């Protein structure tokens, strides 16, 4: 049975450098639970308690499951793999001590780490992508980290494609999936980021099927995207202008996405993510409306 969670990014807790955290973890967890969600992801390292006992108590008090943690790594740079592996294992140990082998490590590029990709998010051309040699380094790094996580903690790893990073477009997602072991690396499928990269979410589910191990529900406003293309907005300008709308207000057909997931027997979690910059929007009210929308479509 599919269950529904939310994540700290919906409250403006983002992984990007320079994006200040405005809210404490207790407020975010309280509001997440009060608006009808059954689980959460960890958020940035240090946002929630890193003591396993304390984190376990905080989640239990609110009857929330811990589903995973987003870990960005500069995979295209082989010199960054050692540090990336160490930071990922630190996170994986915390997850496993709190929730056993159920959570996922959600690997990603160091999104926002390359100016060209930030400036051209949503309109990436092949020339702005990785070379064949860089793809080999990138994929080897993802597999290395995923293997270390599995061997040490038993946790599985998924890769999160993301606008503003080097795995954004459908072709880039396809390339990474083709270069990595399907038994070792799953896909964290994000509906909004897939649209941002120019893809069709339902077609992606049909393409990747059971390789989708974890799902993020994020809506995408095509009119904001059109304005962004017209005005050459960068990634952060697009987010600031509301490209990730509340669920049901954008272009993603979530009922069709639900049906596609069910065709492939998906029985994991759906994590609602409405990325906002710190201090932007009305997170609690949006979280409540997003949950009500999902109730309306049977989730």
Protein backbone atom coordinates (compact mmCIF):
# COMPACT_ATOMS: atom_id res chain seq x y z
CA UNK A 1 0.00 0.00 0.00
CA UNK A 2 1.40 3.38 -1.02
CA UNK A 3 1.89 5.76 1.91
CA UNK A 4 2.41 9.52 1.75
CA UNK A 5 5.20 11.58 3.32
CA UNK A 6 6.63 15.07 3.02
CA UNK A 7 10.15 16.48 3.33
CA UNK A 8 12.00 19.44 4.85
CA UNK A 9 12.58 21.01 1.40
CA UNK A 10 8.87 21.91 1.38
CA UNK A 11 9.69 24.21 4.31
CA UNK A 12 12.68 25.81 2.56
CA UNK A 13 15.32 23.49 4.01
CA UNK A 14 17.47 23.08 0.90
CA UNK A 15 20.83 21.50 0.18
CA UNK A 16 22.22 24.43 -1.78
CA UNK A 17 25.08 26.49 -0.39
CA UNK A 18 23.98 29.91 0.78
CA UNK A 19 20.36 28.88 1.31
CA UNK A 20 19.94 29.69 5.01
CA UNK A 21 17.74 27.50 7.16
CA UNK A 22 14.99 29.60 8.72
CA UNK A 23 13.01 27.04 10.69
CA UNK A 24 13.89 24.57 13.42
CA UNK A 25 13.41 20.84 12.92
CA UNK A 26 10.79 20.57 15.68
CA UNK A 27 8.50 23.06 13.95
CA UNK A 28 8.92 21.32 10.61
CA UNK A 29 8.18 17.87 12.09
CA UNK A 30 5.19 19.21 14.04
CA UNK A 31 3.68 20.85 10.98
CA UNK A 32 4.42 17.84 8.80
CA UNK A 33 2.58 15.55 11.20
CA UNK A 34 -0.28 18.02 11.77
CA UNK A 35 -0.98 18.26 8.04
CA UNK A 36 -1.51 14.53 7.63
CA UNK A 37 1.78 12.97 6.57
CA UNK A 38 3.11 9.65 7.85
CA UNK A 39 6.82 10.04 7.17
CA UNK A 40 9.69 12.33 6.33
CA UNK A 41 13.14 12.41 4.81
CA UNK A 42 16.09 13.59 6.88
CA UNK A 43 16.88 16.87 5.18
CA UNK A 44 20.35 18.39 5.18
CA UNK A 45 22.87 16.82 7.55
CA UNK A 46 22.59 18.62 10.88
CA UNK A 47 19.09 19.98 10.35
CA UNK A 48 17.57 17.16 12.39
CA UNK A 49 19.32 15.57 15.36
CA UNK A 50 22.28 13.41 14.40
CA UNK A 51 22.14 11.43 17.65
CA UNK A 52 20.22 8.25 16.72
CA UNK A 53 18.40 7.97 20.02
CA UNK A 54 17.24 11.57 19.99
CA UNK A 55 16.12 11.40 16.37
CA UNK A 56 14.28 8.14 16.99
CA UNK A 57 12.41 9.73 19.92
CA UNK A 58 11.51 12.86 17.96
CA UNK A 59 10.02 10.80 15.14
CA UNK A 60 8.23 8.37 17.46
CA UNK A 61 6.59 11.24 19.36
CA UNK A 62 4.96 12.27 16.10
CA UNK A 63 4.42 8.75 14.73
CA UNK A 64 6.56 9.54 11.68
CA UNK A 65 8.64 7.09 9.65
CA UNK A 66 12.12 8.00 8.44
CA UNK A 67 12.29 7.25 4.72
CA UNK A 68 15.67 8.37 3.52
CA UNK A 69 18.19 11.15 3.14
CA UNK A 70 19.34 13.23 0.19
CA UNK A 71 23.14 13.16 -0.22
CA UNK A 72 24.69 15.30 -3.00
CA UNK A 73 28.11 14.31 -4.31
CA UNK A 74 30.26 15.87 -7.04
CA UNK A 75 30.36 12.57 -8.89
CA UNK A 76 31.91 13.99 -12.08
CA UNK A 77 35.06 14.77 -10.08
CA UNK A 78 36.97 11.60 -9.10
CA UNK A 79 38.78 13.58 -6.40
CA UNK A 80 35.43 14.12 -4.66
CA UNK A 81 34.51 10.44 -4.43
CA UNK A 82 36.39 9.71 -1.19
CA UNK A 83 34.68 12.53 0.67
CA UNK A 84 31.34 11.74 -0.93
CA UNK A 85 31.57 8.13 0.17
CA UNK A 86 32.51 9.12 3.72
CA UNK A 87 29.65 11.63 4.03
CA UNK A 88 27.16 9.18 2.56
CA UNK A 89 28.22 6.41 4.95
CA UNK A 90 27.87 8.81 7.88
CA UNK A 91 24.30 9.48 6.81
CA UNK A 92 23.57 5.81 6.11
CA UNK A 93 24.75 4.81 9.58
CA UNK A 94 22.37 7.30 11.16
CA UNK A 95 19.44 6.10 9.04
CA UNK A 96 20.12 2.45 9.81
CA UNK A 97 20.46 3.04 13.55
CA UNK A 98 17.15 4.91 13.59
CA UNK A 99 15.07 2.86 11.13
CA UNK A 100 16.92 -0.31 10.12
CA UNK A 101 17.29 -1.13 6.43
CA UNK A 102 14.03 0.48 5.30
CA UNK A 103 15.25 4.01 4.40
CA UNK A 104 16.94 4.90 1.14
CA UNK A 105 20.11 6.82 0.52
CA UNK A 106 19.02 9.34 -2.12
CA UNK A 107 22.17 10.11 -4.09
CA UNK A 108 22.40 13.14 -6.35
CA UNK A 109 24.83 15.33 -8.21
CA UNK A 110 26.06 18.42 -6.36
CA UNK A 111 23.15 20.31 -7.90
CA UNK A 112 23.82 24.02 -8.11
CA UNK A 113 27.55 23.39 -8.31
CA UNK A 114 28.05 24.40 -11.94
CA UNK A 115 27.14 27.85 -13.22
CA UNK A 116 26.26 26.69 -16.73
CA UNK A 117 23.80 24.13 -15.41
CA UNK A 118 22.28 26.67 -13.01
CA UNK A 119 21.93 29.31 -15.73
CA UNK A 120 20.39 26.94 -18.30
CA UNK A 121 18.21 24.70 -16.15
CA UNK A 122 15.16 23.66 -18.13
CA UNK A 123 16.82 24.35 -21.48
CA UNK A 124 19.94 22.17 -21.38
CA UNK A 125 21.56 21.23 -24.68
CA UNK A 126 23.73 18.13 -25.26
CA UNK A 127 26.83 20.32 -25.51
CA UNK A 128 26.30 21.40 -21.90
CA UNK A 129 26.40 17.82 -20.63
CA UNK A 130 29.11 15.43 -19.53
CA UNK A 131 31.65 13.92 -21.89
CA UNK A 132 31.82 10.15 -22.31
CA UNK A 133 34.80 10.03 -19.98
CA UNK A 134 33.00 12.12 -17.38
CA UNK A 135 29.96 9.85 -17.60
CA UNK A 136 32.15 6.85 -16.85
CA UNK A 137 33.63 8.61 -13.81
CA UNK A 138 30.19 9.76 -12.67
CA UNK A 139 28.60 6.32 -12.93
CA UNK A 140 31.56 4.60 -11.28
CA UNK A 141 31.28 6.99 -8.36
CA UNK A 142 27.57 6.35 -7.95
CA UNK A 143 28.12 2.59 -7.96
CA UNK A 144 31.05 2.85 -5.57
CA UNK A 145 29.06 4.80 -3.00
CA UNK A 146 25.94 2.64 -3.39
CA UNK A 147 28.00 -0.52 -2.94
CA UNK A 148 29.70 0.80 0.20
CA UNK A 149 26.35 1.79 1.67
CA UNK A 150 24.85 -1.62 1.01
CA UNK A 151 27.85 -3.55 2.30
CA UNK A 152 28.17 -1.56 5.53
CA UNK A 153 24.55 -0.80 6.43
CA UNK A 154 22.30 -2.91 4.19
CA UNK A 155 20.55 0.21 2.89
CA UNK A 156 19.67 0.57 -0.78
CA UNK A 157 20.56 3.64 -2.81
CA UNK A 158 18.56 5.53 -5.42
CA UNK A 159 19.69 8.33 -7.69
CA UNK A 160 17.69 11.57 -7.81
CA UNK A 161 17.73 13.40 -11.18
CA UNK A 162 17.51 17.14 -10.58
CA UNK A 163 17.33 20.42 -12.49
CA UNK A 164 20.42 22.52 -11.96
CA UNK A 165 22.65 19.43 -11.92
CA UNK A 166 24.30 17.17 -14.46
CA UNK A 167 21.49 14.60 -14.52
CA UNK A 168 18.48 16.65 -15.55
CA UNK A 169 17.16 15.75 -18.99
CA UNK A 170 15.49 12.45 -19.95
CA UNK A 171 18.56 11.55 -22.04
CA UNK A 172 20.83 12.17 -19.04
CA UNK A 173 18.65 10.05 -16.76
CA UNK A 174 18.66 7.31 -19.37
CA UNK A 175 22.44 7.49 -19.72
CA UNK A 176 23.05 7.13 -15.99
CA UNK A 177 20.60 4.26 -15.63
CA UNK A 178 22.27 2.46 -18.54
CA UNK A 179 25.71 2.84 -16.94
CA UNK A 180 24.76 1.61 -13.46
CA UNK A 181 23.85 -1.82 -12.11
CA UNK A 182 20.05 -2.09 -11.76
CA UNK A 183 20.49 -4.39 -8.78
CA UNK A 184 22.60 -1.79 -7.00
CA UNK A 185 21.26 1.62 -8.02
CA UNK A 186 17.56 2.42 -8.25
CA UNK A 187 15.86 5.57 -9.46
CA UNK A 188 14.34 8.19 -7.19
CA UNK A 189 11.75 9.45 -9.63
CA UNK A 190 10.72 13.09 -9.20
CA UNK A 191 7.74 14.18 -11.29
CA UNK A 192 8.49 17.91 -11.15
CA UNK A 193 12.18 17.68 -11.93
CA UNK A 194 11.49 15.30 -14.79
CA UNK A 195 9.12 17.84 -16.31
CA UNK A 196 11.65 20.62 -15.69
CA UNK A 197 14.16 18.60 -17.70
CA UNK A 198 11.71 18.26 -20.59
CA UNK A 199 10.24 14.83 -19.90
CA UNK A 200 6.84 13.14 -19.55
CA UNK A 201 6.45 11.52 -16.10
CA UNK A 202 4.09 8.75 -17.21
CA UNK A 203 6.37 7.82 -20.11
CA UNK A 204 9.30 7.69 -17.67
CA UNK A 205 7.46 5.30 -15.36
CA UNK A 206 6.69 3.08 -18.33
CA UNK A 207 10.38 3.23 -19.34
CA UNK A 208 11.92 2.48 -15.95
CA UNK A 209 9.17 0.40 -14.33
CA UNK A 210 10.37 -1.54 -11.33
CA UNK A 211 13.70 0.30 -11.25
CA UNK A 212 11.80 3.15 -9.60
CA UNK A 213 12.30 2.41 -5.90
CA UNK A 214 11.38 5.80 -4.42
CA UNK A 215 9.07 8.56 -5.67
CA UNK A 216 8.84 12.31 -5.15
CA UNK A 217 5.57 14.02 -6.06
CA UNK A 218 6.30 17.56 -7.19
CA UNK A 219 4.14 19.64 -9.50
CA UNK A 220 5.46 21.80 -12.31
CA UNK A 221 3.97 25.02 -13.68
CA UNK A 222 4.45 25.04 -17.45
CA UNK A 223 3.49 28.72 -17.72
CA UNK A 224 6.25 29.68 -15.28
CA UNK A 225 8.61 27.48 -17.27
CA UNK A 226 7.63 29.28 -20.47
CA UNK A 227 8.34 32.63 -18.83
CA UNK A 228 11.64 31.27 -17.58
CA UNK A 229 12.70 30.21 -21.05
CA UNK A 230 11.61 33.55 -22.49
CA UNK A 231 13.48 35.55 -19.83
CA UNK A 232 16.48 33.22 -19.44
CA UNK A 233 15.85 32.68 -15.74
CA UNK A 234 18.34 30.55 -13.87
CA UNK A 235 17.27 27.64 -11.66
CA UNK A 236 16.79 29.70 -8.51
CA UNK A 237 14.82 32.41 -10.34
CA UNK A 238 12.48 29.73 -11.65
CA UNK A 239 11.95 28.33 -8.15
CA UNK A 240 11.47 31.82 -6.73
CA UNK A 241 8.77 32.44 -9.35
CA UNK A 242 6.87 29.30 -8.37
CA UNK A 243 7.81 26.73 -10.99
CA UNK A 244 7.07 24.05 -8.40
CA UNK A 245 3.42 24.78 -7.68
CA UNK A 246 1.12 23.12 -5.19
CA UNK A 247 -0.08 19.70 -6.30
CA UNK A 248 -2.91 19.88 -8.78
CA UNK A 249 -2.10 23.46 -9.78
CA UNK A 250 0.53 22.64 -12.40
CA UNK A 251 0.85 20.41 -15.43
CA UNK A 252 1.59 17.02 -13.84
CA UNK A 253 -1.29 14.54 -14.18
CA UNK A 254 -0.91 12.88 -10.79
CA UNK A 255 -3.83 10.52 -11.29
CA UNK A 256 -2.11 9.17 -14.40
CA UNK A 257 1.18 8.95 -12.50
CA UNK A 258 -0.59 7.04 -9.73
CA UNK A 259 -2.06 4.62 -12.26
CA UNK A 260 1.31 4.10 -13.94
CA UNK A 261 3.01 3.35 -10.63
CA UNK A 262 0.30 0.88 -9.74
CA UNK A 263 0.72 -0.89 -13.09
CA UNK A 264 4.25 -1.73 -12.04
CA UNK A 265 3.23 -2.77 -8.55
CA UNK A 266 4.85 0.17 -6.78
CA UNK A 267 4.18 -0.14 -3.06
CA UNK A 268 6.76 2.24 -1.62
CA UNK A 269 6.37 5.78 -0.33
CA UNK A 270 5.36 8.92 -2.17
CA UNK A 271 7.17 11.95 -0.78
CA UNK A 272 5.50 15.28 -1.47
CA UNK A 273 8.06 17.96 -2.27
CA UNK A 274 7.16 21.53 -3.06
CA UNK A 275 10.60 23.10 -3.15
CA UNK A 276 10.63 26.66 -1.89
CA UNK A 277 13.49 28.98 -1.05
CA UNK A 278 13.90 29.83 2.65
CA UNK A 279 11.19 32.23 3.81
CA UNK A 280 9.16 31.75 0.65
CA UNK A 281 5.51 30.72 0.54
CA UNK A 282 3.27 29.28 3.23
CA UNK A 283 4.72 25.82 3.91
CA UNK A 284 2.21 24.49 6.43
CA UNK A 285 -0.83 25.70 4.50
CA UNK A 286 0.62 24.35 1.26
CA UNK A 287 1.41 21.01 2.88
CA UNK A 288 -2.19 20.71 4.06
CA UNK A 289 -3.60 21.56 0.62
CA UNK A 290 -1.20 19.12 -1.03
CA UNK A 291 -2.30 16.35 1.31
CA UNK A 292 -5.97 17.12 0.69
CA UNK A 293 -5.36 16.95 -3.05
CA UNK A 294 -3.82 13.50 -2.72
CA UNK A 295 -6.77 12.32 -0.63
CA UNK A 296 -8.99 13.46 -3.49
CA UNK A 297 -7.16 11.21 -5.96
CA UNK A 298 -7.18 8.25 -3.60
CA UNK A 299 -3.75 8.49 -1.99
